[in-house]
Amino acid sequence: MTAFDLTDRLAVVTGARRGIGLAIADALAAAGADVVAVSAGQESGESAVRDRVEAHGRRFRGLAVDLGDRAAIGELVERLGALERPVDILVNNAGTIHRTPAVDHPDDAWDRVLGVNLTAPFLLARALGAGMVDRGEGKVIFIASLLSFQGGITVPGYTASKHGVAGLVKALANEWAPHGVNVNGIAPGYIATDNTRALRDDPERSGAILERIPAGRWGRPDDLAGAAVFLASSAADYVHGTIVAVDGGWLAR
């Protein structure tokens, strides 16, 4: 058994159906964790994430939940609280984005982005974190963004939400670190997912982005795996309130 071993830990991963969430769920299962996958379109039966988790010999449960619906989040909290064992690891990964110049950014898009990206992660962290604090252990990982540090272009709601996520990492870490609960974040760089397809399909924008990345390539969802396992494991027991950038060197440029 190593410090990175997650055997018999129970992890909840939101947005686990594809992309970064799928890669993180796979990595946690490979390290020994059982996984509850939560996504708006998550299948309870056959799915890519179920296949990957069970291929590692771990238990899987899929829950379909609209994380933009506060009532649905409340029902999710009740379902997670009724599980046969407590949640050890929460990965708040699910997110959405809306690309519109600020002067044209619609109210409903703003509300949706802030709801999914900031409110839902807080509500889940608050609910599951309470049990972790009572037990004196637990890991909460927020998926932040480069736009937790920068302003971006034509994504004011997304940028505001991800700045908020960075603030939550610090605020919750300050409160929960004395109780043995680690709250940290991961800031992915430009990763090849559905959220970045519009950028990758724009030759000018894609070229400009690649020119700034020292690693010289778009990231892959699997590039987040090591950071996620580290922050979910006892190897990170003295890591609190930190956001780990996995960005190919973007922020260092």
C-alpha atoms as a PDB file:
ATOM      1  CA  MET A   1       0.000   0.000   0.000  1.00  0.00           C
ATOM      2  CA  THR A   2       1.333   3.412  -1.004  1.00  0.00           C
ATOM      3  CA  ALA A   3       0.422   6.979  -0.152  1.00  0.00           C
ATOM      4  CA  PHE A   4      -1.396   7.168  -3.494  1.00  0.00           C
ATOM      5  CA  ASP A   5      -3.539   4.096  -2.832  1.00  0.00           C
ATOM      6  CA  LEU A   6      -7.294   4.790  -2.807  1.00  0.00           C
ATOM      7  CA  THR A   7      -8.470   1.234  -2.175  1.00  0.00           C
ATOM      8  CA  ASP A   8     -12.062   1.106  -0.919  1.00  0.00           C
ATOM      9  CA  ARG A   9     -12.457   4.875  -0.927  1.00  0.00           C
ATOM     10  CA  LEU A  10     -15.751   6.161  -2.336  1.00  0.00           C
ATOM     11  CA  ALA A  11     -15.454   9.003  -4.836  1.00  0.00           C
ATOM     12  CA  VAL A  12     -18.193  11.184  -6.294  1.00  0.00           C
ATOM     13  CA  VAL A  13     -17.207  12.728  -9.627  1.00  0.00           C
ATOM     14  CA  THR A  14     -19.524  15.209 -11.327  1.00  0.00           C
ATOM     15  CA  GLY A  15     -19.446  15.629 -15.081  1.00  0.00           C
ATOM     16  CA  ALA A  16     -17.950  12.139 -15.308  1.00  0.00           C
ATOM     17  CA  ARG A  17     -19.637  11.017 -18.511  1.00  0.00           C
ATOM     18  CA  ARG A  18     -16.887  12.319 -20.795  1.00  0.00           C
ATOM     19  CA  GLY A  19     -13.790  14.482 -21.081  1.00  0.00           C
ATOM     20  CA  ILE A  20     -11.916  15.495 -17.934  1.00  0.00           C
ATOM     21  CA  GLY A  21     -14.472  13.937 -15.578  1.00  0.00           C
ATOM     22  CA  LEU A  22     -14.267  10.590 -17.349  1.00  0.00           C
ATOM     23  CA  ALA A  23     -10.472  10.636 -17.188  1.00  0.00           C
ATOM     24  CA  ILE A  24     -10.501  11.492 -13.474  1.00  0.00           C
ATOM     25  CA  ALA A  25     -13.068   8.801 -12.650  1.00  0.00           C
ATOM     26  CA  ASP A  26     -10.927   6.282 -14.531  1.00  0.00           C
ATOM     27  CA  ALA A  27      -7.780   7.356 -12.685  1.00  0.00           C
ATOM     28  CA  LEU A  28      -9.413   7.219  -9.250  1.00  0.00           C
ATOM     29  CA  ALA A  29     -10.760   3.746  -9.979  1.00  0.00           C
ATOM     30  CA  ALA A  30      -7.338   2.612 -11.178  1.00  0.00           C
ATOM     31  CA  ALA A  31      -5.982   3.761  -7.803  1.00  0.00           C
ATOM     32  CA  GLY A  32      -8.616   1.664  -6.008  1.00  0.00           C
ATOM     33  CA  ALA A  33     -11.638   3.922  -5.489  1.00  0.00           C
ATOM     34  CA  ASP A  34     -15.267   3.047  -6.121  1.00  0.00           C
ATOM     35  CA  VAL A  35     -17.021   5.741  -8.147  1.00  0.00           C
ATOM     36  CA  VAL A  36     -20.395   7.462  -8.189  1.00  0.00           C
ATOM     37  CA  ALA A  37     -20.609   9.313 -11.505  1.00  0.00           C
ATOM     38  CA  VAL A  38     -22.958  12.301 -11.667  1.00  0.00           C
ATOM     39  CA  SER A  39     -23.884  14.042 -14.929  1.00  0.00           C
ATOM     40  CA  ALA A  40     -26.969  15.483 -16.557  1.00  0.00           C
ATOM     41  CA  GLY A  41     -26.841  12.771 -19.208  1.00  0.00           C
ATOM     42  CA  GLN A  42     -25.290  10.044 -17.078  1.00  0.00           C
ATOM     43  CA  GLU A  43     -26.538   6.576 -17.855  1.00  0.00           C
ATOM     44  CA  SER A  44     -27.185   4.225 -14.941  1.00  0.00           C
ATOM     45  CA  GLY A  45     -26.470   1.267 -17.223  1.00  0.00           C
ATOM     46  CA  GLU A  46     -23.791   0.761 -19.838  1.00  0.00           C
ATOM     47  CA  SER A  47     -21.533   3.769 -20.369  1.00  0.00           C
ATOM     48  CA  ALA A  48     -17.912   4.623 -21.015  1.00  0.00           C
ATOM     49  CA  VAL A  49     -17.321   5.600 -17.402  1.00  0.00           C
ATOM     50  CA  ARG A  50     -18.934   2.421 -16.069  1.00  0.00           C
ATOM     51  CA  ASP A  51     -16.776   0.347 -18.416  1.00  0.00           C
ATOM     52  CA  ARG A  52     -13.591   2.050 -17.244  1.00  0.00           C
ATOM     53  CA  VAL A  53     -14.393   1.876 -13.534  1.00  0.00           C
ATOM     54  CA  GLU A  54     -15.447  -1.762 -13.628  1.00  0.00           C
ATOM     55  CA  ALA A  55     -12.426  -2.678 -15.762  1.00  0.00           C
ATOM     56  CA  HIS A  56     -10.368  -1.832 -12.669  1.00  0.00           C
ATOM     57  CA  GLY A  57     -12.520  -4.132 -10.553  1.00  0.00           C
ATOM     58  CA  ARG A  58     -14.208  -1.257  -8.742  1.00  0.00           C
ATOM     59  CA  ARG A  59     -17.871  -0.600  -8.009  1.00  0.00           C
ATOM     60  CA  PHE A  60     -19.806   1.948 -10.078  1.00  0.00           C
ATOM     61  CA  ARG A  61     -23.022   3.877  -9.743  1.00  0.00           C
ATOM     62  CA  GLY A  62     -24.351   6.397 -12.261  1.00  0.00           C
ATOM     63  CA  LEU A  63     -26.756   9.191 -11.359  1.00  0.00           C
ATOM     64  CA  ALA A  64     -28.424  11.508 -13.874  1.00  0.00           C
ATOM     65  CA  VAL A  65     -28.764  14.968 -12.312  1.00  0.00           C
ATOM     66  CA  ASP A  66     -29.187  18.443 -13.788  1.00  0.00           C
ATOM     67  CA  LEU A  67     -26.699  20.422 -11.715  1.00  0.00           C
ATOM     68  CA  GLY A  68     -28.333  23.645 -12.842  1.00  0.00           C
ATOM     69  CA  ASP A  69     -31.488  22.699 -10.934  1.00  0.00           C
ATOM     70  CA  ARG A  70     -31.220  23.444  -7.220  1.00  0.00           C
ATOM     71  CA  ALA A  71     -34.077  21.094  -6.338  1.00  0.00           C
ATOM     72  CA  ALA A  72     -32.353  18.274  -8.218  1.00  0.00           C
ATOM     73  CA  ILE A  73     -29.150  18.974  -6.289  1.00  0.00           C
ATOM     74  CA  GLY A  74     -31.085  18.678  -3.051  1.00  0.00           C
ATOM     75  CA  GLU A  75     -32.400  15.283  -4.158  1.00  0.00           C
ATOM     76  CA  LEU A  76     -28.861  14.256  -5.121  1.00  0.00           C
ATOM     77  CA  VAL A  77     -27.590  15.181  -1.657  1.00  0.00           C
ATOM     78  CA  GLU A  78     -30.290  12.992  -0.116  1.00  0.00           C
ATOM     79  CA  ARG A  79     -29.383  10.066  -2.386  1.00  0.00           C
ATOM     80  CA  LEU A  80     -25.688  10.389  -1.573  1.00  0.00           C
ATOM     81  CA  GLY A  81     -26.499  10.599   2.125  1.00  0.00           C
ATOM     82  CA  ALA A  82     -28.439   7.344   1.856  1.00  0.00           C
ATOM     83  CA  LEU A  83     -25.517   5.388   0.404  1.00  0.00           C
ATOM     84  CA  GLU A  84     -24.276   2.442   2.418  1.00  0.00           C
ATOM     85  CA  ARG A  85     -21.053   4.267   3.271  1.00  0.00           C
ATOM     86  CA  PRO A  86     -19.888   7.879   3.390  1.00  0.00           C
ATOM     87  CA  VAL A  87     -18.259   9.731   0.525  1.00  0.00           C
ATOM     88  CA  ASP A  88     -14.499  10.051   0.980  1.00  0.00           C
ATOM     89  CA  ILE A  89     -13.657  12.057  -2.152  1.00  0.00           C
ATOM     90  CA  LEU A  90     -15.677  14.713  -3.978  1.00  0.00           C
ATOM     91  CA  VAL A  91     -14.513  15.930  -7.379  1.00  0.00           C
ATOM     92  CA  ASN A  92     -16.539  18.960  -8.493  1.00  0.00           C
ATOM     93  CA  ASN A  93     -15.801  18.786 -12.204  1.00  0.00           C
ATOM     94  CA  ALA A  94     -19.090  19.415 -14.029  1.00  0.00           C
ATOM     95  CA  GLY A  95     -19.229  22.703 -15.858  1.00  0.00           C
ATOM     96  CA  THR A  96     -20.723  24.599 -18.743  1.00  0.00           C
ATOM     97  CA  ILE A  97     -19.720  27.589 -20.838  1.00  0.00           C
ATOM     98  CA  HIS A  98     -21.487  30.228 -22.926  1.00  0.00           C
ATOM     99  CA  ARG A  99     -19.524  32.269 -25.456  1.00  0.00           C
ATOM    100  CA  THR A 100     -21.058  35.693 -26.085  1.00  0.00           C
ATOM    101  CA  PRO A 101     -19.557  39.198 -25.845  1.00  0.00           C
ATOM    102  CA  ALA A 102     -20.374  40.783 -22.506  1.00  0.00           C
ATOM    103  CA  VAL A 103     -22.663  43.446 -23.995  1.00  0.00           C
ATOM    104  CA  ASP A 104     -24.824  40.675 -25.486  1.00  0.00           C
ATOM    105  CA  HIS A 105     -24.492  38.081 -22.714  1.00  0.00           C
ATOM    106  CA  PRO A 106     -28.041  36.949 -21.869  1.00  0.00           C
ATOM    107  CA  ASP A 107     -29.297  36.753 -18.296  1.00  0.00           C
ATOM    108  CA  ASP A 108     -30.384  33.143 -18.588  1.00  0.00           C
ATOM    109  CA  ALA A 109     -26.925  32.078 -19.798  1.00  0.00           C
ATOM    110  CA  TRP A 110     -25.296  33.946 -16.909  1.00  0.00           C
ATOM    111  CA  ASP A 111     -27.603  32.265 -14.402  1.00  0.00           C
ATOM    112  CA  ARG A 112     -27.077  28.822 -15.928  1.00  0.00           C
ATOM    113  CA  VAL A 113     -23.280  29.079 -15.999  1.00  0.00           C
ATOM    114  CA  LEU A 114     -23.040  30.406 -12.440  1.00  0.00           C
ATOM    115  CA  GLY A 115     -25.490  27.778 -11.252  1.00  0.00           C
ATOM    116  CA  VAL A 116     -23.695  24.783 -12.736  1.00  0.00           C
ATOM    117  CA  ASN A 117     -20.123  26.008 -12.265  1.00  0.00           C
ATOM    118  CA  LEU A 118     -20.274  27.677  -8.851  1.00  0.00           C
ATOM    119  CA  THR A 119     -23.513  27.144  -6.948  1.00  0.00           C
ATOM    120  CA  ALA A 120     -23.735  23.378  -7.509  1.00  0.00           C
ATOM    121  CA  PRO A 121     -20.123  22.728  -6.457  1.00  0.00           C
ATOM    122  CA  PHE A 122     -20.658  24.774  -3.289  1.00  0.00           C
ATOM    123  CA  LEU A 123     -23.886  22.976  -2.399  1.00  0.00           C
ATOM    124  CA  LEU A 124     -22.292  19.560  -2.882  1.00  0.00           C
ATOM    125  CA  ALA A 125     -19.150  20.531  -1.001  1.00  0.00           C
ATOM    126  CA  ARG A 126     -21.215  21.952   1.850  1.00  0.00           C
ATOM    127  CA  ALA A 127     -23.337  18.819   2.157  1.00  0.00           C
ATOM    128  CA  LEU A 128     -20.597  16.202   1.781  1.00  0.00           C
ATOM    129  CA  GLY A 129     -17.996  18.313   3.524  1.00  0.00           C
ATOM    130  CA  ALA A 130     -20.100  18.390   6.687  1.00  0.00           C
ATOM    131  CA  GLY A 131     -19.770  14.624   7.018  1.00  0.00           C
ATOM    132  CA  MET A 132     -16.058  14.777   6.262  1.00  0.00           C
ATOM    133  CA  VAL A 133     -15.544  17.392   8.968  1.00  0.00           C
ATOM    134  CA  ASP A 134     -17.454  15.217  11.455  1.00  0.00           C
ATOM    135  CA  ARG A 135     -15.317  12.172  10.573  1.00  0.00           C
ATOM    136  CA  GLY A 136     -12.075  14.146  10.569  1.00  0.00           C
ATOM    137  CA  GLU A 137     -11.031  13.214   7.032  1.00  0.00           C
ATOM    138  CA  GLY A 138     -11.963  13.713   3.403  1.00  0.00           C
ATOM    139  CA  LYS A 139     -10.825  15.189   0.106  1.00  0.00           C
ATOM    140  CA  VAL A 140     -12.644  17.844  -1.933  1.00  0.00           C
ATOM    141  CA  ILE A 141     -11.268  18.734  -5.351  1.00  0.00           C
ATOM    142  CA  PHE A 142     -12.655  21.582  -7.438  1.00  0.00           C
ATOM    143  CA  ILE A 143     -11.884  21.803 -11.140  1.00  0.00           C
ATOM    144  CA  ALA A 144     -10.929  25.430 -11.641  1.00  0.00           C
ATOM    145  CA  SER A 145      -9.579  26.906 -14.887  1.00  0.00           C
ATOM    146  CA  LEU A 146      -6.951  29.173 -16.366  1.00  0.00           C
ATOM    147  CA  LEU A 147      -9.827  31.646 -16.209  1.00  0.00           C
ATOM    148  CA  SER A 148      -9.660  31.416 -12.428  1.00  0.00           C
ATOM    149  CA  PHE A 149      -6.590  33.661 -12.953  1.00  0.00           C
ATOM    150  CA  GLN A 150      -7.247  35.409 -16.267  1.00  0.00           C
ATOM    151  CA  GLY A 151     -10.140  37.192 -17.918  1.00  0.00           C
ATOM    152  CA  GLY A 152     -10.675  35.292 -21.127  1.00  0.00           C
ATOM    153  CA  ILE A 153     -12.589  36.582 -24.146  1.00  0.00           C
ATOM    154  CA  THR A 154     -16.391  36.563 -24.583  1.00  0.00           C
ATOM    155  CA  VAL A 155     -16.951  34.254 -21.576  1.00  0.00           C
ATOM    156  CA  PRO A 156     -17.786  36.653 -18.696  1.00  0.00           C
ATOM    157  CA  GLY A 157     -20.065  34.202 -16.894  1.00  0.00           C
ATOM    158  CA  TYR A 158     -17.567  31.362 -17.121  1.00  0.00           C
ATOM    159  CA  THR A 159     -14.712  33.571 -15.944  1.00  0.00           C
ATOM    160  CA  ALA A 160     -16.726  34.877 -13.003  1.00  0.00           C
ATOM    161  CA  SER A 161     -17.723  31.344 -12.007  1.00  0.00           C
ATOM    162  CA  LYS A 162     -14.168  30.021 -12.172  1.00  0.00           C
ATOM    163  CA  HIS A 163     -12.792  32.949 -10.176  1.00  0.00           C
ATOM    164  CA  GLY A 164     -15.473  32.033  -7.645  1.00  0.00           C
ATOM    165  CA  VAL A 165     -14.321  28.412  -7.630  1.00  0.00           C
ATOM    166  CA  ALA A 166     -10.776  29.555  -6.809  1.00  0.00           C
ATOM    167  CA  GLY A 167     -12.167  31.580  -3.920  1.00  0.00           C
ATOM    168  CA  LEU A 168     -14.159  28.617  -2.629  1.00  0.00           C
ATOM    169  CA  VAL A 169     -11.045  26.443  -2.614  1.00  0.00           C
ATOM    170  CA  LYS A 170      -9.328  28.910  -0.297  1.00  0.00           C
ATOM    171  CA  ALA A 171     -12.362  29.696   1.860  1.00  0.00           C
ATOM    172  CA  LEU A 172     -13.304  26.075   2.511  1.00  0.00           C
ATOM    173  CA  ALA A 173      -9.689  25.052   3.066  1.00  0.00           C
ATOM    174  CA  ASN A 174      -9.361  27.710   5.762  1.00  0.00           C
ATOM    175  CA  GLU A 175     -12.391  26.331   7.596  1.00  0.00           C
ATOM    176  CA  TRP A 176     -11.902  22.606   7.100  1.00  0.00           C
ATOM    177  CA  ALA A 177      -8.133  22.063   7.230  1.00  0.00           C
ATOM    178  CA  PRO A 178      -8.157  22.010  11.066  1.00  0.00           C
ATOM    179  CA  HIS A 179     -10.624  19.105  10.828  1.00  0.00           C
ATOM    180  CA  GLY A 180      -8.463  16.928   8.558  1.00  0.00           C
ATOM    181  CA  VAL A 181     -10.351  17.733   5.354  1.00  0.00           C
ATOM    182  CA  ASN A 182      -8.309  18.761   2.323  1.00  0.00           C
ATOM    183  CA  VAL A 183      -9.854  21.217  -0.137  1.00  0.00           C
ATOM    184  CA  ASN A 184      -7.846  21.910  -3.280  1.00  0.00           C
ATOM    185  CA  GLY A 185      -8.306  22.586  -6.968  1.00  0.00           C
ATOM    186  CA  ILE A 186      -6.937  21.721 -10.374  1.00  0.00           C
ATOM    187  CA  ALA A 187      -6.734  24.327 -13.122  1.00  0.00           C
ATOM    188  CA  PRO A 188      -6.671  22.573 -16.492  1.00  0.00           C
ATOM    189  CA  GLY A 189      -5.011  24.399 -19.343  1.00  0.00           C
ATOM    190  CA  TYR A 190      -6.335  24.201 -22.869  1.00  0.00           C
ATOM    191  CA  ILE A 191      -7.614  20.622 -22.946  1.00  0.00           C
ATOM    192  CA  ALA A 192      -9.146  18.989 -26.020  1.00  0.00           C
ATOM    193  CA  THR A 193     -12.750  18.586 -24.827  1.00  0.00           C
ATOM    194  CA  ASP A 194     -16.199  19.599 -26.038  1.00  0.00           C
ATOM    195  CA  ASN A 195     -15.898  22.925 -24.170  1.00  0.00           C
ATOM    196  CA  THR A 196     -12.869  23.918 -26.275  1.00  0.00           C
ATOM    197  CA  ARG A 197     -14.085  22.603 -29.618  1.00  0.00           C
ATOM    198  CA  ALA A 198     -15.006  26.093 -30.855  1.00  0.00           C
ATOM    199  CA  LEU A 199     -11.461  27.275 -30.153  1.00  0.00           C
ATOM    200  CA  ARG A 200      -9.840  24.245 -31.756  1.00  0.00           C
ATOM    201  CA  ASP A 201     -12.043  24.630 -34.831  1.00  0.00           C
ATOM    202  CA  ASP A 202     -10.882  28.234 -35.276  1.00  0.00           C
ATOM    203  CA  PRO A 203      -7.461  28.033 -36.986  1.00  0.00           C
ATOM    204  CA  GLU A 204      -6.450  31.542 -35.922  1.00  0.00           C
ATOM    205  CA  ARG A 205      -7.407  31.123 -32.252  1.00  0.00           C
ATOM    206  CA  SER A 206      -6.038  27.606 -32.058  1.00  0.00           C
ATOM    207  CA  GLY A 207      -2.750  28.710 -33.575  1.00  0.00           C
ATOM    208  CA  ALA A 208      -2.419  31.621 -31.163  1.00  0.00           C
ATOM    209  CA  ILE A 209      -3.111  29.343 -28.216  1.00  0.00           C
ATOM    210  CA  LEU A 210      -0.586  26.733 -29.301  1.00  0.00           C
ATOM    211  CA  GLU A 211       2.087  29.395 -29.795  1.00  0.00           C
ATOM    212  CA  ARG A 212       1.814  30.326 -26.109  1.00  0.00           C
ATOM    213  CA  ILE A 213       1.835  26.795 -24.644  1.00  0.00           C
ATOM    214  CA  PRO A 214       5.456  25.821 -23.876  1.00  0.00           C
ATOM    215  CA  ALA A 215       4.550  22.127 -24.172  1.00  0.00           C
ATOM    216  CA  GLY A 216       3.499  22.820 -27.765  1.00  0.00           C
ATOM    217  CA  ARG A 217       0.233  20.880 -27.761  1.00  0.00           C
ATOM    218  CA  TRP A 218      -3.334  20.892 -26.524  1.00  0.00           C
ATOM    219  CA  GLY A 219      -3.764  18.956 -23.297  1.00  0.00           C
ATOM    220  CA  ARG A 220      -5.570  15.632 -23.090  1.00  0.00           C
ATOM    221  CA  PRO A 221      -8.095  14.737 -20.375  1.00  0.00           C
ATOM    222  CA  ASP A 222      -5.712  12.021 -19.154  1.00  0.00           C
ATOM    223  CA  ASP A 223      -3.162  14.738 -18.360  1.00  0.00           C
ATOM    224  CA  LEU A 224      -5.297  15.580 -15.298  1.00  0.00           C
ATOM    225  CA  ALA A 225      -5.191  12.041 -13.891  1.00  0.00           C
ATOM    226  CA  GLY A 226      -2.016  12.306 -11.832  1.00  0.00           C
ATOM    227  CA  ALA A 227      -2.985  15.562 -10.140  1.00  0.00           C
ATOM    228  CA  ALA A 228      -6.428  14.195  -9.292  1.00  0.00           C
ATOM    229  CA  VAL A 229      -5.100  10.996  -7.721  1.00  0.00           C
ATOM    230  CA  PHE A 230      -2.491  12.954  -5.777  1.00  0.00           C
ATOM    231  CA  LEU A 231      -5.007  15.402  -4.315  1.00  0.00           C
ATOM    232  CA  ALA A 232      -7.434  12.577  -3.505  1.00  0.00           C
ATOM    233  CA  SER A 233      -4.794  10.551  -1.679  1.00  0.00           C
ATOM    234  CA  SER A 234      -3.005  10.659   1.658  1.00  0.00           C
ATOM    235  CA  ALA A 235       0.060  11.914  -0.227  1.00  0.00           C
ATOM    236  CA  ALA A 236      -1.682  15.307  -0.176  1.00  0.00           C
ATOM    237  CA  ASP A 237      -2.594  15.323   3.522  1.00  0.00           C
ATOM    238  CA  TYR A 238      -0.634  18.554   4.118  1.00  0.00           C
ATOM    239  CA  VAL A 239      -1.856  20.269   0.936  1.00  0.00           C
ATOM    240  CA  HIS A 240      -4.646  22.750   1.636  1.00  0.00           C
ATOM    241  CA  GLY A 241      -6.135  25.590  -0.422  1.00  0.00           C
ATOM    242  CA  THR A 242      -3.897  25.014  -3.436  1.00  0.00           C
ATOM    243  CA  ILE A 243      -4.831  25.145  -7.119  1.00  0.00           C
ATOM    244  CA  VAL A 244      -2.564  22.942  -9.226  1.00  0.00           C
ATOM    245  CA  ALA A 245      -2.198  24.185 -12.794  1.00  0.00           C
ATOM    246  CA  VAL A 246      -1.999  21.402 -15.360  1.00  0.00           C
ATOM    247  CA  ASP A 247      -1.551  23.666 -18.344  1.00  0.00           C
ATOM    248  CA  GLY A 248       1.522  22.725 -20.359  1.00  0.00           C
ATOM    249  CA  GLY A 249       3.275  25.769 -18.912  1.00  0.00           C
ATOM    250  CA  TRP A 250       0.694  28.369 -20.021  1.00  0.00           C
ATOM    251  CA  LEU A 251       0.687  30.392 -16.804  1.00  0.00           C
ATOM    252  CA  ALA A 252       4.462  30.414 -16.686  1.00  0.00           C
ATOM    253  CA  ARG A 253       4.728  31.989 -20.134  1.00  0.00           C
END
